[in-house]
Amino acid sequence: MRDERELDWRRHQRHEFPLPSPDLAPFVARYWVVHWSYDRPYRQLIVPYPNVHLTFRGGRALVTGVSSGHVFQELDGEGHVFGVAFRPGRFRAFLGAPVRTITDRTVPSVFPDVPEPGVPAVEEMLRACLPDPDPAAELASELVDRIVARPGITRVSQLAEETGRSPRQLQRLFAEHVGIGPKWVIRRYRLHEVTQRMAAGARVDWAALAADLGYADQAHFVRDFTAMFGETPTGHAARYHQEISRQRSADAPGST
């Protein structure tokens, strides 16, 4: 059973998402800072995106590759973490190895230590480590951006046709620079659009939606959704509706 505190996480966590300076924006999607306070252990569900992360927590700097499915991070007591989310496709040169080698793994930082991590200090460190231009990395990043911006892309074959590359070439490019295949990236962002509909309170025809997203049947859609989000689509939608009802009640006149 999911922890009931998920629906009231703002009481326990504070999030900040500073943007990178313009010269680092080609490499860094965003910074993120999380502060938490819990009186008993809490398992934080983390839903994957195709970003590699550099994190600073408790004096340790770690690099986490793309996760192929959802993971949990235990939080307890009071603490905070500073993170760097790299743009998909732009970590290969920092790592010095194919990004697929750290998929589903957390490894020691490949960067110098930052004793007091914050945006200015971390950006100074990153500038000292900036790699030379890499056309393949830039292409991989551009293709991920295209997938994000184009909801109509639901199959690797569509991306291959648009770019004049074979599906096998795209698979090699993504494995090298993104860390996970183009099919996974496409489905991740199409599923993100589904959760946006849920957040808006929309009712969803699951069978029709599975077909629209390129799934052979609804069962495959449910399997992929559950792997990403840790619960079935209907269970996720029910929790969204519960959260919407709770927020409406809190915002109603006379509520405290």
C-alpha atoms as a PDB file:
ATOM      1  CA  MET A   1       0.000   0.000   0.000  1.00  0.00           C
ATOM      2  CA  ARG A   2       1.260   3.478  -0.854  1.00  0.00           C
ATOM      3  CA  ASP A   3       2.128   5.803   2.036  1.00  0.00           C
ATOM      4  CA  GLU A   4      -0.724   8.213   2.785  1.00  0.00           C
ATOM      5  CA  ARG A   5       1.833  11.017   3.228  1.00  0.00           C
ATOM      6  CA  GLU A   6       2.293  11.123  -0.548  1.00  0.00           C
ATOM      7  CA  LEU A   7      -0.914  13.133  -0.816  1.00  0.00           C
ATOM      8  CA  ASP A   8       0.321  15.639   1.764  1.00  0.00           C
ATOM      9  CA  TRP A   9       4.010  15.771   0.837  1.00  0.00           C
ATOM     10  CA  ARG A  10       4.149  19.598   0.912  1.00  0.00           C
ATOM     11  CA  ARG A  11       3.950  19.422   4.712  1.00  0.00           C
ATOM     12  CA  HIS A  12       7.173  17.444   4.782  1.00  0.00           C
ATOM     13  CA  GLN A  13       9.189  18.604   1.767  1.00  0.00           C
ATOM     14  CA  ARG A  14      10.271  21.850   0.123  1.00  0.00           C
ATOM     15  CA  HIS A  15      11.490  21.821  -3.464  1.00  0.00           C
ATOM     16  CA  GLU A  16      13.444  24.420  -5.450  1.00  0.00           C
ATOM     17  CA  PHE A  17      14.409  24.215  -9.152  1.00  0.00           C
ATOM     18  CA  PRO A  18      16.991  26.880 -10.073  1.00  0.00           C
ATOM     19  CA  LEU A  19      17.770  27.187 -13.773  1.00  0.00           C
ATOM     20  CA  PRO A  20      21.329  27.023 -15.106  1.00  0.00           C
ATOM     21  CA  SER A  21      23.270  29.998 -16.417  1.00  0.00           C
ATOM     22  CA  PRO A  22      22.984  30.417 -20.218  1.00  0.00           C
ATOM     23  CA  ASP A  23      26.476  29.061 -20.904  1.00  0.00           C
ATOM     24  CA  LEU A  24      25.650  25.831 -19.060  1.00  0.00           C
ATOM     25  CA  ALA A  25      22.094  25.422 -20.365  1.00  0.00           C
ATOM     26  CA  PRO A  26      23.226  23.201 -23.280  1.00  0.00           C
ATOM     27  CA  PHE A  27      24.418  20.664 -20.693  1.00  0.00           C
ATOM     28  CA  VAL A  28      22.237  21.197 -17.600  1.00  0.00           C
ATOM     29  CA  ALA A  29      18.446  20.939 -17.659  1.00  0.00           C
ATOM     30  CA  ARG A  30      17.983  22.293 -14.127  1.00  0.00           C
ATOM     31  CA  TYR A  31      19.299  22.195 -10.589  1.00  0.00           C
ATOM     32  CA  TRP A  32      17.099  20.882  -7.818  1.00  0.00           C
ATOM     33  CA  VAL A  33      17.138  21.231  -4.065  1.00  0.00           C
ATOM     34  CA  VAL A  34      14.970  19.191  -1.694  1.00  0.00           C
ATOM     35  CA  HIS A  35      14.606  19.790   2.053  1.00  0.00           C
ATOM     36  CA  TRP A  36      12.636  17.260   4.093  1.00  0.00           C
ATOM     37  CA  SER A  37      11.460  16.647   7.639  1.00  0.00           C
ATOM     38  CA  TYR A  38       9.914  13.319   8.696  1.00  0.00           C
ATOM     39  CA  ASP A  39       9.250  11.874  12.123  1.00  0.00           C
ATOM     40  CA  ARG A  40       9.480   8.328  10.774  1.00  0.00           C
ATOM     41  CA  PRO A  41      11.018   6.799   7.625  1.00  0.00           C
ATOM     42  CA  TYR A  42       9.350   7.664   4.349  1.00  0.00           C
ATOM     43  CA  ARG A  43       9.934   5.840   1.044  1.00  0.00           C
ATOM     44  CA  GLN A  44      10.032   8.503  -1.642  1.00  0.00           C
ATOM     45  CA  LEU A  45       8.850   7.240  -5.019  1.00  0.00           C
ATOM     46  CA  ILE A  46      11.045   8.542  -7.838  1.00  0.00           C
ATOM     47  CA  VAL A  47       9.611   8.345 -11.343  1.00  0.00           C
ATOM     48  CA  PRO A  48      12.282   8.101 -14.053  1.00  0.00           C
ATOM     49  CA  TYR A  49      13.184  10.533 -16.796  1.00  0.00           C
ATOM     50  CA  PRO A  50      16.121  10.179 -19.228  1.00  0.00           C
ATOM     51  CA  ASN A  51      18.373  12.482 -17.174  1.00  0.00           C
ATOM     52  CA  VAL A  52      21.653  11.647 -15.496  1.00  0.00           C
ATOM     53  CA  HIS A  53      21.859  13.253 -12.034  1.00  0.00           C
ATOM     54  CA  LEU A  54      24.753  14.519  -9.944  1.00  0.00           C
ATOM     55  CA  THR A  55      23.781  14.760  -6.269  1.00  0.00           C
ATOM     56  CA  PHE A  56      25.399  16.167  -3.148  1.00  0.00           C
ATOM     57  CA  ARG A  57      24.057  14.800   0.137  1.00  0.00           C
ATOM     58  CA  GLY A  58      25.697  14.490   3.519  1.00  0.00           C
ATOM     59  CA  GLY A  59      29.150  15.223   2.165  1.00  0.00           C
ATOM     60  CA  ARG A  60      28.892  12.625  -0.614  1.00  0.00           C
ATOM     61  CA  ALA A  61      28.766  13.372  -4.331  1.00  0.00           C
ATOM     62  CA  LEU A  62      27.231  10.661  -6.517  1.00  0.00           C
ATOM     63  CA  VAL A  63      26.243  10.226 -10.149  1.00  0.00           C
ATOM     64  CA  THR A  64      23.033   8.354 -10.915  1.00  0.00           C
ATOM     65  CA  GLY A  65      22.339   7.072 -14.395  1.00  0.00           C
ATOM     66  CA  VAL A  66      18.944   6.851 -16.036  1.00  0.00           C
ATOM     67  CA  SER A  67      16.585   4.481 -14.222  1.00  0.00           C
ATOM     68  CA  SER A  68      14.634   2.140 -16.477  1.00  0.00           C
ATOM     69  CA  GLY A  69      11.784   2.043 -13.956  1.00  0.00           C
ATOM     70  CA  HIS A  70      10.596   3.691 -10.782  1.00  0.00           C
ATOM     71  CA  VAL A  71      12.792   3.505  -7.679  1.00  0.00           C
ATOM     72  CA  PHE A  72      12.426   4.385  -3.988  1.00  0.00           C
ATOM     73  CA  GLN A  73      14.650   6.598  -1.840  1.00  0.00           C
ATOM     74  CA  GLU A  74      14.242   6.451   1.942  1.00  0.00           C
ATOM     75  CA  LEU A  75      14.019   9.796   3.736  1.00  0.00           C
ATOM     76  CA  ASP A  76      14.049  10.117   7.522  1.00  0.00           C
ATOM     77  CA  GLY A  77      14.536  12.914  10.031  1.00  0.00           C
ATOM     78  CA  GLU A  78      15.654  16.245   8.587  1.00  0.00           C
ATOM     79  CA  GLY A  79      17.954  16.658   5.625  1.00  0.00           C
ATOM     80  CA  HIS A  80      18.503  18.129   2.207  1.00  0.00           C
ATOM     81  CA  VAL A  81      20.115  17.273  -1.110  1.00  0.00           C
ATOM     82  CA  PHE A  82      21.399  19.424  -3.986  1.00  0.00           C
ATOM     83  CA  GLY A  83      21.168  17.923  -7.443  1.00  0.00           C
ATOM     84  CA  VAL A  84      22.111  18.595 -11.044  1.00  0.00           C
ATOM     85  CA  ALA A  85      19.881  17.146 -13.756  1.00  0.00           C
ATOM     86  CA  PHE A  86      21.886  16.955 -16.976  1.00  0.00           C
ATOM     87  CA  ARG A  87      20.132  17.322 -20.295  1.00  0.00           C
ATOM     88  CA  PRO A  88      19.454  13.954 -21.917  1.00  0.00           C
ATOM     89  CA  GLY A  89      22.242  13.106 -24.325  1.00  0.00           C
ATOM     90  CA  ARG A  90      24.823  15.523 -22.900  1.00  0.00           C
ATOM     91  CA  PHE A  91      26.594  13.485 -20.191  1.00  0.00           C
ATOM     92  CA  ARG A  92      28.710  11.153 -22.351  1.00  0.00           C
ATOM     93  CA  ALA A  93      31.755  13.457 -22.545  1.00  0.00           C
ATOM     94  CA  PHE A  94      31.720  14.143 -18.782  1.00  0.00           C
ATOM     95  CA  LEU A  95      31.565  10.419 -18.051  1.00  0.00           C
ATOM     96  CA  GLY A  96      34.191   9.378 -20.572  1.00  0.00           C
ATOM     97  CA  ALA A  97      32.240   6.211 -21.351  1.00  0.00           C
ATOM     98  CA  PRO A  98      28.910   5.212 -22.923  1.00  0.00           C
ATOM     99  CA  VAL A  99      26.056   6.426 -20.737  1.00  0.00           C
ATOM    100  CA  ARG A 100      24.478   2.959 -20.908  1.00  0.00           C
ATOM    101  CA  THR A 101      27.263   1.779 -18.565  1.00  0.00           C
ATOM    102  CA  ILE A 102      25.633   3.611 -15.644  1.00  0.00           C
ATOM    103  CA  THR A 103      21.970   2.929 -16.481  1.00  0.00           C
ATOM    104  CA  ASP A 104      20.167   1.734 -13.325  1.00  0.00           C
ATOM    105  CA  ARG A 105      23.346   2.438 -11.317  1.00  0.00           C
ATOM    106  CA  THR A 106      24.670   5.008  -8.862  1.00  0.00           C
ATOM    107  CA  VAL A 107      28.433   5.510  -9.005  1.00  0.00           C
ATOM    108  CA  PRO A 108      30.990   7.801  -7.337  1.00  0.00           C
ATOM    109  CA  SER A 109      31.101  11.306  -8.775  1.00  0.00           C
ATOM    110  CA  VAL A 110      33.265  11.860 -11.841  1.00  0.00           C
ATOM    111  CA  PHE A 111      33.608  15.529 -10.841  1.00  0.00           C
ATOM    112  CA  PRO A 112      35.854  17.310  -8.323  1.00  0.00           C
ATOM    113  CA  ASP A 113      34.518  17.802  -4.810  1.00  0.00           C
ATOM    114  CA  VAL A 114      32.353  20.824  -4.016  1.00  0.00           C
ATOM    115  CA  PRO A 115      32.589  21.364  -0.230  1.00  0.00           C
ATOM    116  CA  GLU A 116      29.536  23.630  -0.019  1.00  0.00           C
ATOM    117  CA  PRO A 117      27.322  22.794  -2.979  1.00  0.00           C
ATOM    118  CA  GLY A 118      25.073  25.530  -4.288  1.00  0.00           C
ATOM    119  CA  VAL A 119      24.414  26.947  -7.732  1.00  0.00           C
ATOM    120  CA  PRO A 120      27.454  29.312  -7.880  1.00  0.00           C
ATOM    121  CA  ALA A 121      29.947  26.743  -6.571  1.00  0.00           C
ATOM    122  CA  VAL A 122      28.613  23.877  -8.679  1.00  0.00           C
ATOM    123  CA  GLU A 123      28.523  26.012 -11.809  1.00  0.00           C
ATOM    124  CA  GLU A 124      32.137  27.053 -11.259  1.00  0.00           C
ATOM    125  CA  MET A 125      33.087  23.389 -11.030  1.00  0.00           C
ATOM    126  CA  LEU A 126      31.089  22.450 -14.135  1.00  0.00           C
ATOM    127  CA  ARG A 127      32.665  25.230 -16.199  1.00  0.00           C
ATOM    128  CA  ALA A 128      36.077  23.842 -15.370  1.00  0.00           C
ATOM    129  CA  CYS A 129      34.980  20.438 -16.689  1.00  0.00           C
ATOM    130  CA  LEU A 130      33.128  21.441 -19.869  1.00  0.00           C
ATOM    131  CA  PRO A 131      33.805  19.005 -22.722  1.00  0.00           C
ATOM    132  CA  ASP A 132      34.634  19.790 -26.324  1.00  0.00           C
ATOM    133  CA  PRO A 133      31.715  20.012 -28.791  1.00  0.00           C
ATOM    134  CA  ASP A 134      30.323  16.633 -29.802  1.00  0.00           C
ATOM    135  CA  PRO A 135      27.920  16.561 -32.781  1.00  0.00           C
ATOM    136  CA  ALA A 136      26.606  13.110 -31.846  1.00  0.00           C
ATOM    137  CA  ALA A 137      25.750  14.264 -28.313  1.00  0.00           C
ATOM    138  CA  GLU A 138      24.049  17.364 -29.694  1.00  0.00           C
ATOM    139  CA  LEU A 139      22.010  15.192 -32.076  1.00  0.00           C
ATOM    140  CA  ALA A 140      20.930  12.833 -29.302  1.00  0.00           C
ATOM    141  CA  SER A 141      19.833  15.778 -27.177  1.00  0.00           C
ATOM    142  CA  GLU A 142      17.952  17.336 -30.091  1.00  0.00           C
ATOM    143  CA  LEU A 143      16.114  14.083 -30.763  1.00  0.00           C
ATOM    144  CA  VAL A 144      14.971  13.820 -27.153  1.00  0.00           C
ATOM    145  CA  ASP A 145      13.737  17.422 -27.383  1.00  0.00           C
ATOM    146  CA  ARG A 146      11.846  16.483 -30.542  1.00  0.00           C
ATOM    147  CA  ILE A 147      10.182  13.556 -28.786  1.00  0.00           C
ATOM    148  CA  VAL A 148       9.131  15.837 -25.914  1.00  0.00           C
ATOM    149  CA  ALA A 149       7.709  18.499 -28.244  1.00  0.00           C
ATOM    150  CA  ARG A 150       5.909  16.129 -30.621  1.00  0.00           C
ATOM    151  CA  PRO A 151       3.129  14.087 -28.967  1.00  0.00           C
ATOM    152  CA  GLY A 152       2.436  12.461 -32.328  1.00  0.00           C
ATOM    153  CA  ILE A 153       5.714  10.548 -32.167  1.00  0.00           C
ATOM    154  CA  THR A 154       4.746   7.191 -30.675  1.00  0.00           C
ATOM    155  CA  ARG A 155       7.086   4.799 -32.502  1.00  0.00           C
ATOM    156  CA  VAL A 156      10.813   4.606 -33.163  1.00  0.00           C
ATOM    157  CA  SER A 157      10.052   4.036 -36.848  1.00  0.00           C
ATOM    158  CA  GLN A 158       8.538   7.533 -37.053  1.00  0.00           C
ATOM    159  CA  LEU A 159      11.654   9.098 -35.573  1.00  0.00           C
ATOM    160  CA  ALA A 160      13.837   7.053 -37.912  1.00  0.00           C
ATOM    161  CA  GLU A 161      11.881   8.172 -40.963  1.00  0.00           C
ATOM    162  CA  GLU A 162      12.045  11.835 -39.937  1.00  0.00           C
ATOM    163  CA  THR A 163      15.787  11.754 -39.335  1.00  0.00           C
ATOM    164  CA  GLY A 164      16.861   9.516 -42.207  1.00  0.00           C
ATOM    165  CA  ARG A 165      18.433   7.027 -39.816  1.00  0.00           C
ATOM    166  CA  SER A 166      17.593   3.408 -39.225  1.00  0.00           C
ATOM    167  CA  PRO A 167      16.049   2.255 -35.936  1.00  0.00           C
ATOM    168  CA  ARG A 168      19.296   0.377 -35.219  1.00  0.00           C
ATOM    169  CA  GLN A 169      21.336   3.576 -35.670  1.00  0.00           C
ATOM    170  CA  LEU A 170      19.000   5.419 -33.295  1.00  0.00           C
ATOM    171  CA  GLN A 171      19.293   2.630 -30.732  1.00  0.00           C
ATOM    172  CA  ARG A 172      23.086   2.838 -30.811  1.00  0.00           C
ATOM    173  CA  LEU A 173      23.035   6.640 -30.571  1.00  0.00           C
ATOM    174  CA  PHE A 174      20.669   6.635 -27.596  1.00  0.00           C
ATOM    175  CA  ALA A 175      22.538   3.851 -25.780  1.00  0.00           C
ATOM    176  CA  GLU A 176      25.799   5.752 -26.153  1.00  0.00           C
ATOM    177  CA  HIS A 177      24.583   9.228 -25.231  1.00  0.00           C
ATOM    178  CA  VAL A 178      21.212   8.960 -23.444  1.00  0.00           C
ATOM    179  CA  GLY A 179      21.728   5.670 -21.648  1.00  0.00           C
ATOM    180  CA  ILE A 180      18.446   4.091 -22.659  1.00  0.00           C
ATOM    181  CA  GLY A 181      16.688   3.291 -25.920  1.00  0.00           C
ATOM    182  CA  PRO A 182      14.539   5.613 -28.037  1.00  0.00           C
ATOM    183  CA  LYS A 183      11.461   3.414 -27.533  1.00  0.00           C
ATOM    184  CA  TRP A 184      11.719   3.898 -23.762  1.00  0.00           C
ATOM    185  CA  VAL A 185      12.150   7.675 -24.150  1.00  0.00           C
ATOM    186  CA  ILE A 186       9.140   7.952 -26.463  1.00  0.00           C
ATOM    187  CA  ARG A 187       6.895   5.976 -24.151  1.00  0.00           C
ATOM    188  CA  ARG A 188       8.145   7.824 -21.065  1.00  0.00           C
ATOM    189  CA  TYR A 189       7.040  11.186 -22.431  1.00  0.00           C
ATOM    190  CA  ARG A 190       3.781   9.889 -23.854  1.00  0.00           C
ATOM    191  CA  LEU A 191       2.976   8.422 -20.424  1.00  0.00           C
ATOM    192  CA  HIS A 192       3.866  11.784 -18.866  1.00  0.00           C
ATOM    193  CA  GLU A 193       1.149  13.329 -21.020  1.00  0.00           C
ATOM    194  CA  VAL A 194      -1.287  10.762 -19.622  1.00  0.00           C
ATOM    195  CA  THR A 195      -0.492  11.806 -16.040  1.00  0.00           C
ATOM    196  CA  GLN A 196      -1.027  15.448 -17.034  1.00  0.00           C
ATOM    197  CA  ARG A 197      -4.542  14.545 -18.124  1.00  0.00           C
ATOM    198  CA  MET A 198      -5.095  12.799 -14.805  1.00  0.00           C
ATOM    199  CA  ALA A 199      -3.798  15.836 -12.893  1.00  0.00           C
ATOM    200  CA  ALA A 200      -6.337  17.984 -14.729  1.00  0.00           C
ATOM    201  CA  GLY A 201      -9.101  15.644 -13.584  1.00  0.00           C
ATOM    202  CA  ALA A 202      -9.815  14.257 -17.054  1.00  0.00           C
ATOM    203  CA  ARG A 203     -11.502  10.887 -17.479  1.00  0.00           C
ATOM    204  CA  VAL A 204      -9.507   8.502 -19.621  1.00  0.00           C
ATOM    205  CA  ASP A 205     -10.602   5.778 -22.035  1.00  0.00           C
ATOM    206  CA  TRP A 206      -7.744   3.379 -21.305  1.00  0.00           C
ATOM    207  CA  ALA A 207      -8.214   1.081 -24.290  1.00  0.00           C
ATOM    208  CA  ALA A 208      -8.376   3.965 -26.752  1.00  0.00           C
ATOM    209  CA  LEU A 209      -5.418   5.642 -25.097  1.00  0.00           C
ATOM    210  CA  ALA A 210      -3.289   2.493 -25.321  1.00  0.00           C
ATOM    211  CA  ALA A 211      -4.007   2.307 -29.052  1.00  0.00           C
ATOM    212  CA  ASP A 212      -3.195   6.006 -29.528  1.00  0.00           C
ATOM    213  CA  LEU A 213       0.178   5.481 -27.832  1.00  0.00           C
ATOM    214  CA  GLY A 214       1.099   2.654 -30.160  1.00  0.00           C
ATOM    215  CA  TYR A 215       0.541  -0.274 -27.786  1.00  0.00           C
ATOM    216  CA  ALA A 216      -0.584  -3.578 -29.225  1.00  0.00           C
ATOM    217  CA  ASP A 217      -3.096  -3.957 -26.401  1.00  0.00           C
ATOM    218  CA  GLN A 218      -4.146  -2.426 -23.101  1.00  0.00           C
ATOM    219  CA  ALA A 219      -2.238  -5.019 -21.054  1.00  0.00           C
ATOM    220  CA  HIS A 220       1.109  -3.832 -22.463  1.00  0.00           C
ATOM    221  CA  PHE A 221       0.182  -0.241 -21.682  1.00  0.00           C
ATOM    222  CA  VAL A 222      -0.714  -1.153 -18.077  1.00  0.00           C
ATOM    223  CA  ARG A 223       2.571  -3.036 -17.670  1.00  0.00           C
ATOM    224  CA  ASP A 224       4.679  -0.092 -18.890  1.00  0.00           C
ATOM    225  CA  PHE A 225       2.729   2.419 -16.803  1.00  0.00           C
ATOM    226  CA  THR A 226       3.106   0.336 -13.659  1.00  0.00           C
ATOM    227  CA  ALA A 227       6.850  -0.062 -14.232  1.00  0.00           C
ATOM    228  CA  MET A 228       7.216   3.714 -14.549  1.00  0.00           C
ATOM    229  CA  PHE A 229       4.890   4.902 -11.792  1.00  0.00           C
ATOM    230  CA  GLY A 230       4.728   2.056  -9.309  1.00  0.00           C
ATOM    231  CA  GLU A 231       0.991   1.471  -9.641  1.00  0.00           C
ATOM    232  CA  THR A 232      -1.638   0.786 -12.289  1.00  0.00           C
ATOM    233  CA  PRO A 233      -3.122   3.618 -14.376  1.00  0.00           C
ATOM    234  CA  THR A 234      -6.476   3.323 -12.628  1.00  0.00           C
ATOM    235  CA  GLY A 235      -4.818   3.368  -9.199  1.00  0.00           C
ATOM    236  CA  HIS A 236      -2.781   6.425 -10.175  1.00  0.00           C
ATOM    237  CA  ALA A 237      -5.868   8.206 -11.486  1.00  0.00           C
ATOM    238  CA  ALA A 238      -7.772   7.460  -8.270  1.00  0.00           C
ATOM    239  CA  ARG A 239      -5.005   9.028  -6.177  1.00  0.00           C
ATOM    240  CA  TYR A 240      -5.002  12.108  -8.414  1.00  0.00           C
ATOM    241  CA  HIS A 241      -8.756  12.480  -7.935  1.00  0.00           C
ATOM    242  CA  GLN A 242      -8.276  12.080  -4.183  1.00  0.00           C
ATOM    243  CA  GLU A 243      -5.603  14.798  -4.200  1.00  0.00           C
ATOM    244  CA  ILE A 244      -7.813  17.154  -6.263  1.00  0.00           C
ATOM    245  CA  SER A 245     -10.692  16.640  -3.827  1.00  0.00           C
ATOM    246  CA  ARG A 246      -8.403  17.287  -0.865  1.00  0.00           C
ATOM    247  CA  GLN A 247      -7.073  20.510  -2.386  1.00  0.00           C
ATOM    248  CA  ARG A 248     -10.585  21.729  -3.185  1.00  0.00           C
ATOM    249  CA  SER A 249     -11.663  21.057   0.372  1.00  0.00           C
ATOM    250  CA  ALA A 250      -8.629  22.925   1.724  1.00  0.00           C
ATOM    251  CA  ASP A 251      -9.357  25.907  -0.555  1.00  0.00           C
ATOM    252  CA  ALA A 252     -13.046  26.078   0.301  1.00  0.00           C
ATOM    253  CA  PRO A 253     -14.279  29.110   2.291  1.00  0.00           C
ATOM    254  CA  GLY A 254     -14.067  28.489   5.998  1.00  0.00           C
ATOM    255  CA  SER A 255     -11.470  25.723   5.696  1.00  0.00           C
ATOM    256  CA  THR A 256      -8.305  25.843   7.778  1.00  0.00           C
END
